[in-house]
N, C-alpha and C. Protein backbone atom coordinates (compact mmCIF):
# COMPACT_ATOMS: atom_id res chain seq x y z
N MET A 1 0.84 -1.19 0.00
CA MET A 1 0.00 0.00 0.00
C MET A 1 0.89 1.25 0.00
N CYS A 2 0.47 2.22 -0.77
CA CYS A 2 1.20 3.48 -0.85
C CYS A 2 1.07 4.26 0.46
N ILE A 3 2.14 4.92 0.88
CA ILE A 3 2.12 5.68 2.14
C ILE A 3 1.08 6.79 2.11
N ILE A 4 0.84 7.36 0.94
CA ILE A 4 -0.16 8.43 0.81
C ILE A 4 -1.56 7.90 1.12
N GLU A 5 -1.81 6.64 0.80
CA GLU A 5 -3.10 6.04 1.13
C GLU A 5 -3.28 5.95 2.64
N GLN A 6 -2.20 5.76 3.37
CA GLN A 6 -2.29 5.62 4.82
C GLN A 6 -2.36 6.96 5.52
N ILE A 7 -1.54 7.92 5.11
CA ILE A 7 -1.46 9.18 5.85
C ILE A 7 -2.34 10.28 5.28
N GLY A 8 -2.82 10.11 4.06
CA GLY A 8 -3.67 11.13 3.45
C GLY A 8 -2.89 11.98 2.47
N TYR A 9 -3.59 12.43 1.46
CA TYR A 9 -2.94 13.21 0.41
C TYR A 9 -2.89 14.69 0.77
N SER A 10 -1.74 15.28 0.60
CA SER A 10 -1.57 16.73 0.64
C SER A 10 -0.31 17.02 -0.15
N ARG A 11 -0.16 18.25 -0.57
CA ARG A 11 1.02 18.61 -1.35
C ARG A 11 2.29 18.39 -0.52
N GLU A 12 2.21 18.69 0.77
CA GLU A 12 3.37 18.50 1.65
C GLU A 12 3.73 17.02 1.76
N ASN A 13 2.71 16.17 1.94
CA ASN A 13 2.98 14.73 2.03
C ASN A 13 3.56 14.21 0.72
N LYS A 14 3.04 14.72 -0.40
CA LYS A 14 3.57 14.29 -1.69
C LYS A 14 5.06 14.63 -1.79
N GLU A 15 5.40 15.87 -1.44
CA GLU A 15 6.80 16.30 -1.54
C GLU A 15 7.70 15.52 -0.58
N THR A 16 7.17 15.20 0.61
CA THR A 16 7.96 14.50 1.61
C THR A 16 8.15 13.04 1.28
N TYR A 17 7.05 12.34 0.95
CA TYR A 17 7.10 10.89 0.84
C TYR A 17 7.29 10.38 -0.59
N CYS A 18 6.77 11.09 -1.57
CA CYS A 18 6.81 10.56 -2.93
C CYS A 18 8.18 10.72 -3.59
N THR A 19 9.02 11.60 -3.04
CA THR A 19 10.37 11.72 -3.59
C THR A 19 11.19 10.47 -3.28
N ASN A 20 10.78 9.71 -2.25
CA ASN A 20 11.48 8.48 -1.91
C ASN A 20 10.86 7.25 -2.55
N CYS A 21 9.74 7.43 -3.26
CA CYS A 21 9.02 6.31 -3.86
C CYS A 21 9.80 5.79 -5.07
N ILE A 22 10.05 4.49 -5.09
CA ILE A 22 10.83 3.89 -6.18
C ILE A 22 10.14 4.08 -7.53
N ILE A 23 8.83 3.87 -7.57
CA ILE A 23 8.11 4.03 -8.83
C ILE A 23 8.20 5.47 -9.32
N GLN A 24 7.97 6.41 -8.41
CA GLN A 24 8.04 7.82 -8.77
C GLN A 24 9.44 8.21 -9.23
N ARG A 25 10.47 7.72 -8.54
CA ARG A 25 11.85 8.05 -8.92
C ARG A 25 12.24 7.44 -10.24
N GLU A 26 11.89 6.17 -10.45
CA GLU A 26 12.32 5.45 -11.65
C GLU A 26 11.55 5.86 -12.89
N THR A 27 10.24 6.04 -12.76
CA THR A 27 9.42 6.30 -13.94
C THR A 27 8.96 7.75 -14.04
N GLY A 28 8.94 8.45 -12.91
CA GLY A 28 8.42 9.81 -12.91
C GLY A 28 6.90 9.83 -13.00
N LYS A 29 6.28 8.66 -12.87
CA LYS A 29 4.83 8.57 -12.99
C LYS A 29 4.26 7.81 -11.81
N CYS A 30 3.08 8.20 -11.41
CA CYS A 30 2.36 7.46 -10.37
C CYS A 30 0.87 7.61 -10.67
N GLU A 31 0.25 6.54 -11.10
CA GLU A 31 -1.17 6.58 -11.47
C GLU A 31 -2.03 6.94 -10.26
N TYR A 32 -1.66 6.46 -9.09
CA TYR A 32 -2.44 6.76 -7.89
C TYR A 32 -2.38 8.25 -7.57
N LEU A 33 -1.20 8.83 -7.67
CA LEU A 33 -1.05 10.27 -7.43
C LEU A 33 -1.85 11.07 -8.45
N LYS A 34 -1.76 10.65 -9.71
CA LYS A 34 -2.49 11.33 -10.76
C LYS A 34 -3.99 11.30 -10.47
N TYR A 35 -4.47 10.15 -10.04
CA TYR A 35 -5.89 10.00 -9.67
C TYR A 35 -6.25 10.93 -8.52
N LEU A 36 -5.42 10.95 -7.48
CA LEU A 36 -5.71 11.79 -6.32
C LEU A 36 -5.72 13.26 -6.69
N GLU A 37 -4.78 13.68 -7.52
CA GLU A 37 -4.70 15.08 -7.88
C GLU A 37 -5.88 15.52 -8.73
N THR A 38 -6.45 14.63 -9.52
CA THR A 38 -7.64 15.01 -10.27
C THR A 38 -8.84 15.12 -9.34
N LYS A 39 -8.87 14.32 -8.27
CA LYS A 39 -9.95 14.42 -7.30
C LYS A 39 -9.84 15.68 -6.47
N VAL A 40 -8.62 16.10 -6.16
CA VAL A 40 -8.39 17.23 -5.28
C VAL A 40 -8.57 18.56 -6.01
N SER A 41 -8.25 18.59 -7.30
CA SER A 41 -8.33 19.85 -8.03
C SER A 41 -9.78 20.27 -8.20
N VAL A 42 -10.00 21.57 -8.24
CA VAL A 42 -11.34 22.13 -8.34
C VAL A 42 -11.42 22.97 -9.60
N ASP A 43 -12.53 22.84 -10.29
CA ASP A 43 -12.75 23.65 -11.48
C ASP A 43 -13.32 25.00 -11.03
N VAL A 44 -12.47 26.01 -10.96
CA VAL A 44 -12.87 27.31 -10.43
C VAL A 44 -13.87 28.00 -11.34
N SER A 45 -13.88 27.63 -12.61
CA SER A 45 -14.77 28.28 -13.55
C SER A 45 -16.18 27.70 -13.52
N SER A 46 -16.40 26.63 -12.75
CA SER A 46 -17.73 26.02 -12.72
C SER A 46 -18.73 26.98 -12.06
N GLU A 47 -19.96 26.94 -12.53
CA GLU A 47 -21.00 27.84 -12.02
C GLU A 47 -21.23 27.61 -10.53
N TYR A 48 -21.18 26.36 -10.09
CA TYR A 48 -21.42 26.04 -8.68
C TYR A 48 -20.40 26.73 -7.78
N ILE A 49 -19.14 26.67 -8.14
CA ILE A 49 -18.08 27.31 -7.34
C ILE A 49 -18.27 28.82 -7.35
N GLN A 50 -18.61 29.39 -8.49
CA GLN A 50 -18.80 30.84 -8.57
C GLN A 50 -19.98 31.28 -7.70
N GLU A 51 -21.06 30.48 -7.67
CA GLU A 51 -22.22 30.82 -6.84
C GLU A 51 -21.84 30.80 -5.37
N ILE A 52 -21.08 29.81 -4.96
CA ILE A 52 -20.64 29.73 -3.54
C ILE A 52 -19.80 30.94 -3.20
N THR A 53 -18.88 31.29 -4.08
CA THR A 53 -17.99 32.42 -3.83
C THR A 53 -18.79 33.71 -3.71
N ILE A 54 -19.75 33.88 -4.59
CA ILE A 54 -20.57 35.10 -4.56
C ILE A 54 -21.37 35.14 -3.26
N ASP A 55 -21.98 34.02 -2.87
CA ASP A 55 -22.76 33.99 -1.63
C ASP A 55 -21.91 34.29 -0.41
N GLU A 56 -20.69 33.74 -0.37
CA GLU A 56 -19.82 33.93 0.78
C GLU A 56 -19.32 35.36 0.87
N CYS A 57 -19.25 36.06 -0.26
CA CYS A 57 -18.77 37.43 -0.26
C CYS A 57 -19.89 38.41 0.07
N GLY A 58 -21.12 37.92 0.16
CA GLY A 58 -22.24 38.78 0.54
C GLY A 58 -22.84 39.56 -0.60
N PHE A 59 -22.61 39.12 -1.83
CA PHE A 59 -23.20 39.82 -2.99
C PHE A 59 -24.56 39.29 -3.30
């Protein structure tokens, strides 16, 4: 099991633990990381996000 699966994904954890990962070092690729980063990223241009931002700003 990948250490990120155990401790949770964050940019800091990625920088700390994934630099020591053999797969990441040898291939420069990690399908699990790629999957996590697509889940974590947010589409700021989506209408839903814009509505939340507008509501929170009091407009």
